[in-house]
Amino acid sequence: MPISPLLERQPTYPFVRLNEAARRIERRGVDVIDFGTGDPREATDPLIRQALVDGLRERMGYPLAQGLPELREAIASWAGRRFAVELDPATEVIPTLGSKEAIFSFAQVVVDLEHGKDTVAFTEPGYPVYE
């Protein structure tokens, strides 16, 4: 099946290129200090692991797209303590699966071609998902 021409023109994701380069160097016997994607390297705290186990139900189902109300409330509360802001958890907080999803979704929300909102500014250098 042919892939979208737009996707074919996309360069290889930078972290993929970095990982490939690091593996090539490691194969030559060089120790590599990885400052890549920031995957956790420490063991998960036992309290967190137990909380996950305790939260399991017989049938989990799919989560709500907007996240659980309790989670949104906790995020709004944290933001209030951390940044001294007041957020409405029902309308101003959306949990995401990391920053890439949030950044990608942000553009989907603010760009409105029908009303002339067709520009998104970002920094250079910047996070690869901006491209």
Foldseek 3Di string as FASTA:
>chain_A
DDDDPVVVPDDDAVLVVVVVVVVVVVVVVDDDDDPGDPDDPDDDPPVVVVVVVVPDDPDDDDADQQGDLVVLVVVQVVCCVVVVDGDDSVPGDGDDPDDLVVLVVVCVPQQDVVVPRHDDDDDVVDRVSVD
